[in-house]
Amino acid sequence: MSVELPKDAEGREIPLDTTAMYGADGKVVNISRWVYCTALGFLDDFRRGWYAMGSGDRLVSTVSLHLTPPDSWEKLEEDLGRGADSLNYEACAYFGKSACDCSSCIADKGGTCERVAMRDIASRIRKLRGEGE
């Protein structure tokens, strides 16, 4: 039987040396160890799969955790505010980049920066409303 690496809420593989992740509320979950449950019915409420051992020896399913802080309405407002307060290169500011840092920016991959920023904002709103992509 082969066991795959655990995956987070977005389906990304979690390295087993990961010691902190984020809950759905954005709060840090410190991880002391990883547990793979092999049999259904392990303890009462657990199914086959990966669990992180959090504080207080609490098992948390990896599919409810995030490698990076999950998006939130507050983060979206913060990003929009940063873009709106910028005197120029508003899309760069929205993405948290400086105007001369295009190579590592998401907007450098798909048209004008403003168009990519507008599509990113719309996508984030849909996800935050629970509509997916």
N, C-alpha and C. Protein backbone atom coordinates (compact mmCIF):
# COMPACT_ATOMS: atom_id res chain seq x y z
N MET A 1 0.85 -1.17 0.00
CA MET A 1 0.00 0.00 0.00
C MET A 1 0.89 1.23 0.00
N SER A 2 0.65 2.13 -0.90
CA SER A 2 1.42 3.38 -0.90
C SER A 2 0.57 4.49 -0.30
N VAL A 3 1.25 5.38 0.38
CA VAL A 3 0.57 6.49 1.03
C VAL A 3 1.04 7.78 0.39
N GLU A 4 0.10 8.58 -0.10
CA GLU A 4 0.44 9.87 -0.69
C GLU A 4 0.68 10.88 0.41
N LEU A 5 1.40 11.95 0.06
CA LEU A 5 1.59 13.04 1.01
C LEU A 5 0.23 13.65 1.34
N PRO A 6 0.11 14.24 2.53
CA PRO A 6 -1.16 14.90 2.86
C PRO A 6 -1.39 16.09 1.95
N LYS A 7 -2.65 16.44 1.78
CA LYS A 7 -3.02 17.61 0.96
C LYS A 7 -3.80 18.59 1.81
N ASP A 8 -3.63 19.88 1.51
CA ASP A 8 -4.35 20.91 2.26
C ASP A 8 -5.72 21.16 1.65
N ALA A 9 -6.43 22.16 2.15
CA ALA A 9 -7.79 22.46 1.71
C ALA A 9 -7.87 22.80 0.23
N GLU A 10 -6.76 23.30 -0.34
CA GLU A 10 -6.73 23.62 -1.77
C GLU A 10 -6.19 22.48 -2.62
N GLY A 11 -5.86 21.35 -1.99
CA GLY A 11 -5.36 20.21 -2.73
C GLY A 11 -3.85 20.22 -2.95
N ARG A 12 -3.14 21.14 -2.29
CA ARG A 12 -1.68 21.20 -2.43
C ARG A 12 -1.02 20.20 -1.48
N GLU A 13 0.04 19.53 -1.96
CA GLU A 13 0.76 18.60 -1.11
C GLU A 13 1.44 19.33 0.04
N ILE A 14 1.36 18.73 1.22
CA ILE A 14 1.95 19.31 2.42
C ILE A 14 3.23 18.55 2.74
N PRO A 15 4.39 19.23 2.74
CA PRO A 15 5.63 18.55 3.15
C PRO A 15 5.51 18.10 4.60
N LEU A 16 6.05 16.94 4.91
CA LEU A 16 5.91 16.40 6.26
C LEU A 16 6.78 17.11 7.30
N ASP A 17 7.62 18.05 6.86
CA ASP A 17 8.38 18.85 7.82
C ASP A 17 7.66 20.17 8.14
N THR A 18 6.44 20.33 7.68
CA THR A 18 5.64 21.53 7.96
C THR A 18 5.26 21.53 9.44
N THR A 19 5.51 22.65 10.11
CA THR A 19 5.22 22.73 11.55
C THR A 19 4.12 23.73 11.89
N ALA A 20 3.63 24.46 10.89
CA ALA A 20 2.53 25.40 11.13
C ALA A 20 1.71 25.54 9.85
N MET A 21 0.39 25.58 10.03
CA MET A 21 -0.53 25.80 8.92
C MET A 21 -1.59 26.77 9.40
N TYR A 22 -2.61 27.00 8.58
CA TYR A 22 -3.65 27.97 8.92
C TYR A 22 -5.02 27.31 8.86
N GLY A 23 -5.85 27.65 9.84
CA GLY A 23 -7.23 27.19 9.83
C GLY A 23 -8.05 28.04 8.88
N ALA A 24 -9.32 27.69 8.70
CA ALA A 24 -10.20 28.44 7.81
C ALA A 24 -10.36 29.89 8.27
N ASP A 25 -10.17 30.13 9.57
CA ASP A 25 -10.29 31.48 10.11
C ASP A 25 -8.99 32.28 9.98
N GLY A 26 -7.96 31.68 9.41
CA GLY A 26 -6.68 32.35 9.22
C GLY A 26 -5.74 32.24 10.41
N LYS A 27 -6.19 31.61 11.49
CA LYS A 27 -5.34 31.47 12.67
C LYS A 27 -4.33 30.35 12.47
N VAL A 28 -3.14 30.55 13.03
CA VAL A 28 -2.07 29.57 12.90
C VAL A 28 -2.39 28.33 13.73
N VAL A 29 -2.16 27.17 13.13
CA VAL A 29 -2.27 25.89 13.83
C VAL A 29 -0.86 25.32 13.89
N ASN A 30 -0.29 25.25 15.08
CA ASN A 30 1.04 24.67 15.26
C ASN A 30 0.91 23.15 15.25
N ILE A 31 1.83 22.51 14.52
CA ILE A 31 1.74 21.07 14.33
C ILE A 31 2.94 20.40 14.99
N SER A 32 2.65 19.43 15.85
CA SER A 32 3.74 18.72 16.53
C SER A 32 4.08 17.41 15.83
N ARG A 33 3.11 16.81 15.13
CA ARG A 33 3.38 15.57 14.39
C ARG A 33 2.26 15.31 13.40
N TRP A 34 2.54 14.36 12.50
CA TRP A 34 1.58 13.95 11.50
C TRP A 34 1.11 12.55 11.81
N VAL A 35 -0.17 12.28 11.56
CA VAL A 35 -0.75 10.97 11.82
C VAL A 35 -1.51 10.53 10.57
N TYR A 36 -1.26 9.31 10.13
CA TYR A 36 -2.03 8.74 9.04
C TYR A 36 -2.90 7.62 9.60
N CYS A 37 -4.20 7.80 9.52
CA CYS A 37 -5.14 6.78 10.00
C CYS A 37 -5.37 5.78 8.87
N THR A 38 -5.10 4.51 9.13
CA THR A 38 -5.19 3.49 8.08
C THR A 38 -6.52 2.76 8.05
N ALA A 39 -7.24 2.76 9.15
CA ALA A 39 -8.49 2.00 9.20
C ALA A 39 -9.65 2.93 9.50
N LEU A 40 -10.75 2.68 8.82
CA LEU A 40 -11.95 3.45 9.13
C LEU A 40 -12.35 3.15 10.57
N GLY A 41 -12.87 4.14 11.25
CA GLY A 41 -13.28 3.93 12.62
C GLY A 41 -12.16 4.15 13.62
N PHE A 42 -10.98 4.61 13.16
CA PHE A 42 -9.89 4.93 14.09
C PHE A 42 -10.40 6.05 14.98
N LEU A 43 -10.39 5.82 16.24
CA LEU A 43 -11.09 6.67 17.20
C LEU A 43 -12.55 6.73 16.73
N ASP A 44 -13.33 7.66 17.16
CA ASP A 44 -14.73 7.63 16.78
C ASP A 44 -15.05 8.43 15.52
N ASP A 45 -14.47 9.62 15.42
CA ASP A 45 -14.88 10.52 14.35
C ASP A 45 -13.88 10.62 13.20
N PHE A 46 -12.93 9.72 13.11
CA PHE A 46 -11.87 9.86 12.13
C PHE A 46 -11.99 8.82 11.03
N ARG A 47 -11.63 9.25 9.84
CA ARG A 47 -11.65 8.38 8.67
C ARG A 47 -10.23 8.17 8.19
N ARG A 48 -10.06 7.26 7.25
CA ARG A 48 -8.75 7.00 6.66
C ARG A 48 -8.20 8.30 6.07
N GLY A 49 -6.96 8.60 6.40
CA GLY A 49 -6.32 9.78 5.83
C GLY A 49 -5.37 10.45 6.79
N TRP A 50 -4.88 11.61 6.37
CA TRP A 50 -3.89 12.36 7.14
C TRP A 50 -4.53 13.32 8.13
N TYR A 51 -3.88 13.43 9.29
CA TYR A 51 -4.29 14.36 10.34
C TYR A 51 -3.04 15.03 10.90
N ALA A 52 -3.18 16.27 11.29
CA ALA A 52 -2.12 16.99 11.97
C ALA A 52 -2.42 16.97 13.45
N MET A 53 -1.40 16.74 14.25
CA MET A 53 -1.56 16.80 15.70
C MET A 53 -1.28 18.24 16.11
N GLY A 54 -2.33 18.92 16.55
CA GLY A 54 -2.23 20.32 16.94
C GLY A 54 -2.08 20.47 18.44
N SER A 55 -2.24 21.68 18.91
CA SER A 55 -2.09 21.94 20.34
C SER A 55 -3.12 21.15 21.13
N GLY A 56 -2.72 20.74 22.31
CA GLY A 56 -3.61 19.94 23.16
C GLY A 56 -3.82 18.54 22.62
N ASP A 57 -2.88 18.06 21.78
CA ASP A 57 -2.98 16.72 21.18
C ASP A 57 -4.30 16.54 20.43
N ARG A 58 -4.73 17.59 19.76
CA ARG A 58 -5.98 17.57 18.98
C ARG A 58 -5.66 17.19 17.55
N LEU A 59 -6.33 16.19 17.00
CA LEU A 59 -6.15 15.81 15.61
C LEU A 59 -7.02 16.68 14.72
N VAL A 60 -6.40 17.22 13.67
CA VAL A 60 -7.11 18.08 12.72
C VAL A 60 -6.90 17.51 11.33
N SER A 61 -7.97 17.29 10.59
CA SER A 61 -7.85 16.78 9.23
C SER A 61 -7.10 17.79 8.36
N THR A 62 -6.17 17.29 7.57
CA THR A 62 -5.38 18.20 6.73
C THR A 62 -6.23 18.92 5.69
N VAL A 63 -7.35 18.33 5.29
CA VAL A 63 -8.18 18.97 4.27
C VAL A 63 -8.93 20.18 4.81
N SER A 64 -8.80 20.45 6.10
CA SER A 64 -9.39 21.67 6.66
C SER A 64 -8.33 22.73 6.95
N LEU A 65 -7.08 22.43 6.59
CA LEU A 65 -5.98 23.37 6.85
C LEU A 65 -5.44 23.95 5.55
N HIS A 66 -4.74 25.07 5.67
CA HIS A 66 -4.17 25.77 4.51
C HIS A 66 -2.68 25.97 4.73
N LEU A 67 -1.88 25.77 3.66
CA LEU A 67 -0.45 26.05 3.74
C LEU A 67 -0.18 27.55 3.85
N THR A 68 -1.01 28.34 3.21
CA THR A 68 -0.90 29.80 3.28
C THR A 68 -2.20 30.34 3.87
N PRO A 69 -2.16 31.52 4.47
CA PRO A 69 -3.39 32.05 5.05
C PRO A 69 -4.51 32.13 4.01
N PRO A 70 -5.70 31.66 4.35
CA PRO A 70 -6.81 31.72 3.39
C PRO A 70 -7.23 33.17 3.14
N ASP A 71 -7.80 33.40 1.98
CA ASP A 71 -8.26 34.74 1.65
C ASP A 71 -9.45 35.10 2.54
N SER A 72 -9.68 36.38 2.68
CA SER A 72 -10.82 36.85 3.49
C SER A 72 -11.29 38.18 2.91
N TRP A 73 -12.49 38.58 3.31
CA TRP A 73 -13.00 39.88 2.88
C TRP A 73 -12.07 40.98 3.36
N GLU A 74 -11.53 40.82 4.56
CA GLU A 74 -10.63 41.84 5.12
C GLU A 74 -9.35 41.96 4.29
N LYS A 75 -8.80 40.80 3.87
CA LYS A 75 -7.59 40.84 3.04
C LYS A 75 -7.88 41.48 1.69
N LEU A 76 -9.03 41.18 1.12
CA LEU A 76 -9.40 41.80 -0.16
C LEU A 76 -9.51 43.30 -0.01
N GLU A 77 -10.18 43.75 1.06
CA GLU A 77 -10.30 45.20 1.31
C GLU A 77 -8.92 45.84 1.49
N GLU A 78 -8.03 45.16 2.20
CA GLU A 78 -6.68 45.68 2.42
C GLU A 78 -5.93 45.82 1.09
N ASP A 79 -6.02 44.79 0.24
CA ASP A 79 -5.35 44.83 -1.06
C ASP A 79 -5.93 45.94 -1.94
N LEU A 80 -7.26 46.06 -1.95
CA LEU A 80 -7.90 47.13 -2.74
C LEU A 80 -7.51 48.51 -2.21
N GLY A 81 -7.46 48.65 -0.90
CA GLY A 81 -7.07 49.92 -0.31
C GLY A 81 -5.65 50.29 -0.66
N ARG A 82 -4.75 49.30 -0.63
CA ARG A 82 -3.36 49.56 -0.99
C ARG A 82 -3.27 50.03 -2.44
N GLY A 83 -4.03 49.42 -3.33
CA GLY A 83 -4.04 49.84 -4.73
C GLY A 83 -4.64 51.23 -4.90
N ALA A 84 -5.72 51.49 -4.19
CA ALA A 84 -6.39 52.79 -4.30
C ALA A 84 -5.54 53.92 -3.74
N ASP A 85 -4.74 53.64 -2.73
CA ASP A 85 -3.90 54.68 -2.11
C ASP A 85 -2.62 54.94 -2.87
N SER A 86 -2.30 54.10 -3.83
CA SER A 86 -1.07 54.26 -4.60
C SER A 86 -1.20 55.44 -5.56
N LEU A 87 -0.15 56.22 -5.67
CA LEU A 87 -0.17 57.37 -6.58
C LEU A 87 0.00 56.96 -8.03
N ASN A 88 0.61 55.81 -8.26
CA ASN A 88 0.72 55.25 -9.61
C ASN A 88 0.98 53.75 -9.47
N TYR A 89 0.92 53.02 -10.56
CA TYR A 89 1.08 51.57 -10.55
C TYR A 89 0.12 50.92 -9.55
N GLU A 90 -1.15 51.29 -9.66
CA GLU A 90 -2.17 50.82 -8.73
C GLU A 90 -2.30 49.30 -8.73
N ALA A 91 -2.24 48.68 -9.92
CA ALA A 91 -2.36 47.22 -9.99
C ALA A 91 -1.19 46.56 -9.27
N CYS A 92 0.01 47.13 -9.43
CA CYS A 92 1.18 46.59 -8.73
C CYS A 92 0.96 46.66 -7.22
N ALA A 93 0.46 47.79 -6.75
CA ALA A 93 0.23 47.95 -5.32
C ALA A 93 -0.84 46.97 -4.83
N TYR A 94 -1.89 46.76 -5.63
CA TYR A 94 -2.93 45.79 -5.26
C TYR A 94 -2.32 44.41 -5.06
N PHE A 95 -1.41 44.01 -5.95
CA PHE A 95 -0.76 42.70 -5.85
C PHE A 95 0.38 42.69 -4.83
N GLY A 96 0.64 43.82 -4.20
CA GLY A 96 1.69 43.89 -3.19
C GLY A 96 3.09 43.94 -3.77
N LYS A 97 3.20 44.42 -4.99
CA LYS A 97 4.49 44.48 -5.68
C LYS A 97 4.89 45.93 -5.92
N SER A 98 6.18 46.13 -6.16
CA SER A 98 6.63 47.45 -6.58
C SER A 98 6.58 47.49 -8.10
N ALA A 99 6.60 48.67 -8.66
CA ALA A 99 6.46 48.83 -10.11
C ALA A 99 7.58 48.15 -10.89
N CYS A 100 8.71 47.94 -10.28
CA CYS A 100 9.84 47.36 -11.02
C CYS A 100 10.03 45.88 -10.72
N ASP A 101 9.01 45.21 -10.24
CA ASP A 101 9.10 43.81 -9.86
C ASP A 101 8.16 42.95 -10.70
N CYS A 102 8.09 43.22 -12.00
CA CYS A 102 7.10 42.57 -12.87
C CYS A 102 7.33 41.07 -13.04
N SER A 103 8.57 40.62 -13.05
CA SER A 103 8.85 39.22 -13.38
C SER A 103 8.23 38.24 -12.37
N SER A 104 8.05 38.65 -11.14
CA SER A 104 7.47 37.73 -10.15
C SER A 104 6.00 38.03 -9.88
N CYS A 105 5.40 38.87 -10.70
CA CYS A 105 4.02 39.29 -10.47
C CYS A 105 3.05 38.45 -11.30
N ILE A 106 1.94 38.10 -10.72
CA ILE A 106 0.88 37.36 -11.41
C ILE A 106 0.38 38.13 -12.64
N ALA A 107 0.40 39.45 -12.59
CA ALA A 107 -0.12 40.27 -13.69
C ALA A 107 0.78 40.24 -14.91
N ASP A 108 2.00 39.80 -14.77
CA ASP A 108 2.94 39.77 -15.89
C ASP A 108 2.64 38.63 -16.85
N LYS A 109 1.66 37.79 -16.52
CA LYS A 109 1.42 36.59 -17.30
C LYS A 109 0.17 36.64 -18.17
N GLY A 110 -0.60 37.71 -18.14
CA GLY A 110 -1.85 37.61 -18.88
C GLY A 110 -2.46 38.92 -19.34
N GLY A 111 -1.73 39.74 -20.02
CA GLY A 111 -2.31 40.98 -20.53
C GLY A 111 -1.90 42.18 -19.71
N THR A 112 -2.72 43.21 -19.78
CA THR A 112 -2.38 44.40 -19.02
C THR A 112 -2.57 44.15 -17.54
N CYS A 113 -1.79 44.83 -16.74
CA CYS A 113 -1.86 44.64 -15.29
C CYS A 113 -3.26 44.93 -14.76
N GLU A 114 -3.89 45.98 -15.27
CA GLU A 114 -5.22 46.35 -14.79
C GLU A 114 -6.24 45.27 -15.10
N ARG A 115 -6.16 44.69 -16.29
CA ARG A 115 -7.10 43.63 -16.67
C ARG A 115 -6.92 42.42 -15.76
N VAL A 116 -5.68 42.04 -15.50
CA VAL A 116 -5.41 40.90 -14.63
C VAL A 116 -5.88 41.19 -13.21
N ALA A 117 -5.66 42.41 -12.74
CA ALA A 117 -6.11 42.79 -11.40
C ALA A 117 -7.63 42.71 -11.29
N MET A 118 -8.35 43.22 -12.28
CA MET A 118 -9.82 43.18 -12.24
C MET A 118 -10.32 41.74 -12.24
N ARG A 119 -9.70 40.87 -13.04
CA ARG A 119 -10.11 39.46 -13.06
C ARG A 119 -9.79 38.78 -11.74
N ASP A 120 -8.65 39.14 -11.14
CA ASP A 120 -8.28 38.57 -9.85
C ASP A 120 -9.28 38.99 -8.77
N ILE A 121 -9.67 40.25 -8.78
CA ILE A 121 -10.65 40.75 -7.80
C ILE A 121 -11.98 40.02 -7.96
N ALA A 122 -12.44 39.88 -9.20
CA ALA A 122 -13.70 39.18 -9.45
C ALA A 122 -13.62 37.72 -8.99
N SER A 123 -12.50 37.06 -9.26
CA SER A 123 -12.32 35.68 -8.86
C SER A 123 -12.32 35.54 -7.34
N ARG A 124 -11.64 36.45 -6.65
CA ARG A 124 -11.60 36.40 -5.19
C ARG A 124 -12.99 36.61 -4.60
N ILE A 125 -13.77 37.53 -5.18
CA ILE A 125 -15.13 37.78 -4.70
C ILE A 125 -15.98 36.52 -4.85
N ARG A 126 -15.89 35.86 -6.02
CA ARG A 126 -16.66 34.63 -6.24
C ARG A 126 -16.27 33.56 -5.22
N LYS A 127 -14.96 33.39 -5.00
CA LYS A 127 -14.52 32.38 -4.03
C LYS A 127 -14.99 32.71 -2.62
N LEU A 128 -14.90 33.97 -2.24
CA LEU A 128 -15.32 34.36 -0.89
C LEU A 128 -16.82 34.22 -0.70
N ARG A 129 -17.58 34.34 -1.79
CA ARG A 129 -19.04 34.11 -1.72
C ARG A 129 -19.38 32.64 -1.75
N GLY A 130 -18.35 31.80 -1.97
CA GLY A 130 -18.58 30.36 -2.00
C GLY A 130 -19.00 29.84 -3.36
N GLU A 131 -18.75 30.60 -4.40
CA GLU A 131 -19.16 30.20 -5.74
C GLU A 131 -18.05 29.50 -6.51
N GLY A 132 -16.88 29.32 -5.93
CA GLY A 132 -15.76 28.69 -6.64
C GLY A 132 -15.23 29.61 -7.70
N GLU A 133 -14.66 29.07 -8.74
CA GLU A 133 -14.09 29.88 -9.83
C GLU A 133 -15.21 30.35 -10.67
